[in-house]
């Protein structure tokens, strides 16, 4: 089963629909969708290392545009933004987040944009708290670009040997990945 899923992801990564799918996932992840673009970006880079930086650019541009939508949801549709935050189980931290944004808004955007924490939390909150829009867009471009270009660099440079190692022991690496994912989720919940 794992091998079939793995093969499907790589088939999509090599398909003519891969780049538009990457853009859509990256755009929606920054505003309302829970799946990070890395699930498409990494296999696409591994499938076509020569296009790594092009894919990072697509991811960055789409993510910043999606962040602008997330900001607009928070700014113009505060009730919808709060509903999304409630759905993501983050509405109860609203007051603490507001104080953090008032003191360190730029740092919050820069740091959280690099992490696997859902970026939509930051974009919607930025709109709700009426963070400076021009600065918000600039910070999103910096933090998302840094994340996706770093991923592109790492996978382009060391990806093929890593891919060979993963393919040989797919089940073991899947378990390790699942353990790391659960650890990150637990750490995020505790923050």
Protein backbone atom coordinates (compact mmCIF):
# COMPACT_ATOMS: atom_id res chain seq x y z
CA UNK A 1 0.00 0.00 0.00
CA UNK A 2 2.81 2.40 0.95
CA UNK A 3 4.64 1.64 -2.28
CA UNK A 4 1.52 2.43 -4.36
CA UNK A 5 1.01 5.78 -2.61
CA UNK A 6 4.70 6.59 -3.01
CA UNK A 7 4.59 5.70 -6.70
CA UNK A 8 1.43 7.82 -7.22
CA UNK A 9 3.00 10.89 -5.62
CA UNK A 10 6.05 10.53 -7.86
CA UNK A 11 3.86 9.97 -10.91
CA UNK A 12 1.97 13.19 -10.13
CA UNK A 13 5.30 14.95 -9.53
CA UNK A 14 6.36 14.01 -13.07
CA UNK A 15 3.01 14.75 -14.71
CA UNK A 16 2.07 17.81 -16.75
CA UNK A 17 -0.29 18.81 -13.91
CA UNK A 18 2.41 18.88 -11.23
CA UNK A 19 3.29 22.58 -11.40
CA UNK A 20 -0.32 23.83 -11.33
CA UNK A 21 -1.10 21.41 -8.49
CA UNK A 22 1.92 22.70 -6.56
CA UNK A 23 0.75 26.30 -7.05
CA UNK A 24 -2.79 25.49 -5.92
CA UNK A 25 -1.63 23.62 -2.82
CA UNK A 26 0.85 26.35 -1.92
CA UNK A 27 -1.77 29.08 -2.40
CA UNK A 28 -4.48 27.35 -0.40
CA UNK A 29 -2.16 26.27 2.43
CA UNK A 30 -1.40 29.92 3.17
CA UNK A 31 -5.06 30.83 3.50
CA UNK A 32 -7.29 27.91 4.48
CA UNK A 33 -6.15 24.41 3.38
CA UNK A 34 -4.37 22.16 5.92
CA UNK A 35 -1.90 20.34 3.62
CA UNK A 36 1.58 21.93 3.31
CA UNK A 37 3.07 22.35 -0.19
CA UNK A 38 6.15 20.34 0.82
CA UNK A 39 4.22 17.12 0.08
CA UNK A 40 4.31 18.13 -3.60
CA UNK A 41 7.49 20.21 -3.67
CA UNK A 42 9.86 17.53 -2.38
CA UNK A 43 8.82 14.76 -4.81
CA UNK A 44 8.81 17.25 -7.70
CA UNK A 45 12.36 18.33 -6.92
CA UNK A 46 13.47 14.72 -6.53
CA UNK A 47 11.83 13.83 -9.84
CA UNK A 48 13.32 16.86 -11.65
CA UNK A 49 16.32 18.29 -9.72
CA UNK A 50 17.13 20.56 -12.69
CA UNK A 51 13.87 22.47 -11.99
CA UNK A 52 14.31 22.74 -8.20
CA UNK A 53 14.57 26.52 -8.08
CA UNK A 54 11.72 26.98 -10.55
CA UNK A 55 9.49 24.89 -8.27
CA UNK A 56 10.67 26.88 -5.24
CA UNK A 57 9.70 30.08 -7.07
CA UNK A 58 6.24 28.73 -7.93
CA UNK A 59 5.77 27.69 -4.30
CA UNK A 60 6.93 31.06 -2.97
CA UNK A 61 4.82 33.21 -5.30
CA UNK A 62 1.68 31.10 -4.79
CA UNK A 63 2.25 31.03 -1.02
CA UNK A 64 2.58 34.83 -0.83
CA UNK A 65 -0.57 35.29 -2.92
CA UNK A 66 -2.37 32.81 -0.67
CA UNK A 67 -1.06 34.68 2.38
CA UNK A 68 -2.66 37.84 1.00
CA UNK A 69 -5.97 35.98 0.79
CA UNK A 70 -5.50 34.73 4.36
CA UNK A 71 -4.81 38.30 5.48
CA UNK A 72 -7.97 39.49 3.67
CA UNK A 73 -10.02 36.77 5.37
CA UNK A 74 -8.79 37.95 8.76
CA UNK A 75 -9.12 41.65 7.93
CA UNK A 76 -12.44 41.76 6.06
CA UNK A 77 -14.11 38.55 7.22
CA UNK A 78 -13.06 38.37 10.86
CA UNK A 79 -15.88 35.97 11.75
CA UNK A 80 -14.79 33.59 9.00
CA UNK A 81 -11.18 33.94 10.15
CA UNK A 82 -12.17 33.12 13.72
CA UNK A 83 -14.16 30.13 12.44
CA UNK A 84 -11.06 28.83 10.63
CA UNK A 85 -8.94 29.39 13.75
CA UNK A 86 -11.56 27.52 15.80
CA UNK A 87 -11.56 24.70 13.25
CA UNK A 88 -7.76 24.53 13.64
CA UNK A 89 -8.17 24.54 17.44
CA UNK A 90 -6.32 27.86 17.84
CA UNK A 91 -9.12 30.32 18.73
CA UNK A 92 -8.55 29.80 22.47
CA UNK A 93 -5.07 31.35 22.16
CA UNK A 94 -6.45 34.50 20.51
CA UNK A 95 -5.63 36.97 23.32
CA UNK A 96 -2.13 35.61 23.85
CA UNK A 97 -1.53 35.77 20.11
CA UNK A 98 -2.80 39.33 19.97
CA UNK A 99 -0.31 40.43 22.64
CA UNK A 100 2.50 38.56 20.87
CA UNK A 101 1.64 40.21 17.54
CA UNK A 102 1.52 43.67 19.10
CA UNK A 103 5.00 43.23 20.56
CA UNK A 104 6.78 41.04 18.00
CA UNK A 105 4.56 40.79 14.90
CA UNK A 106 7.37 40.82 12.34
CA UNK A 107 9.34 38.13 14.19
CA UNK A 108 6.24 35.98 14.56
CA UNK A 109 5.68 36.06 10.80
CA UNK A 110 9.34 35.40 9.98
CA UNK A 111 9.81 32.53 12.43
CA UNK A 112 6.45 30.81 11.95
CA UNK A 113 6.76 31.06 8.17
CA UNK A 114 9.81 28.81 8.28
CA UNK A 115 8.21 26.12 10.42
CA UNK A 116 5.75 23.35 9.60
CA UNK A 117 3.11 25.19 11.66
CA UNK A 118 0.16 25.91 9.33
CA UNK A 119 0.95 29.29 7.78
CA UNK A 120 -2.74 30.16 7.50
CA UNK A 121 -2.75 30.71 11.28
CA UNK A 122 -0.28 33.57 10.82
CA UNK A 123 -1.88 35.04 7.71
CA UNK A 124 -5.40 35.12 9.13
CA UNK A 125 -4.19 36.43 12.50
CA UNK A 126 -2.19 39.15 10.74
CA UNK A 127 -5.39 40.35 9.08
CA UNK A 128 -7.44 40.14 12.26
CA UNK A 129 -4.79 42.12 14.17
CA UNK A 130 -4.48 44.58 11.24
CA UNK A 131 -0.72 44.12 10.90
CA UNK A 132 0.87 46.52 8.37
CA UNK A 133 -0.05 44.96 5.00
CA UNK A 134 3.02 46.01 2.98
CA UNK A 135 5.36 44.76 5.71
CA UNK A 136 3.30 41.58 5.98
CA UNK A 137 3.70 40.84 2.24
CA UNK A 138 7.45 41.54 2.37
CA UNK A 139 7.93 39.31 5.42
CA UNK A 140 5.90 36.52 3.81
CA UNK A 141 8.06 36.70 0.68
CA UNK A 142 11.25 36.51 2.76
CA UNK A 143 10.20 33.70 5.09
CA UNK A 144 8.41 31.52 2.54
CA UNK A 145 11.14 32.07 -0.05
CA UNK A 146 13.80 31.12 2.49
CA UNK A 147 11.94 27.94 3.37
CA UNK A 148 11.22 26.76 -0.16
CA UNK A 149 14.60 27.73 -1.64
CA UNK A 150 16.41 26.01 1.26
CA UNK A 151 14.35 22.90 0.61
CA UNK A 152 15.17 23.12 -3.10
CA UNK A 153 18.89 23.53 -2.39
CA UNK A 154 19.02 20.61 0.05
CA UNK A 155 17.01 18.24 -2.13
CA UNK A 156 18.85 19.19 -5.29
CA UNK A 157 22.23 18.71 -3.65
CA UNK A 158 21.61 15.62 -1.50
CA UNK A 159 18.24 14.39 -2.72
CA UNK A 160 19.17 11.67 -5.22
CA UNK A 161 21.29 9.65 -2.73
CA UNK A 162 18.61 10.22 -0.06
CA UNK A 163 15.92 9.09 -2.51
CA UNK A 164 17.82 5.88 -3.26
CA UNK A 165 18.19 5.18 0.46
CA UNK A 166 14.48 5.87 1.10
CA UNK A 167 13.35 3.67 -1.77
CA UNK A 168 15.37 0.74 -0.45
CA UNK A 169 13.77 0.96 2.99
CA UNK A 170 10.47 2.74 2.35
CA UNK A 171 8.60 1.18 5.28
CA UNK A 172 11.30 2.06 7.81
CA UNK A 173 11.56 5.67 6.60
CA UNK A 174 7.77 6.00 6.58
CA UNK A 175 7.63 4.95 10.24
CA UNK A 176 10.43 7.41 11.08
CA UNK A 177 8.59 10.16 9.18
CA UNK A 178 5.36 9.36 11.00
CA UNK A 179 7.09 9.49 14.38
CA UNK A 180 8.66 12.86 13.51
CA UNK A 181 5.30 14.18 12.27
CA UNK A 182 3.54 13.10 15.48
CA UNK A 183 6.35 14.71 17.49
CA UNK A 184 5.95 17.99 15.61
CA UNK A 185 2.16 17.94 16.08
CA UNK A 186 2.54 17.28 19.81
CA UNK A 187 5.14 20.07 20.09
CA UNK A 188 2.85 22.50 18.23
CA UNK A 189 -0.09 21.60 20.47
CA UNK A 190 2.05 22.23 23.57
CA UNK A 191 3.15 25.67 22.31
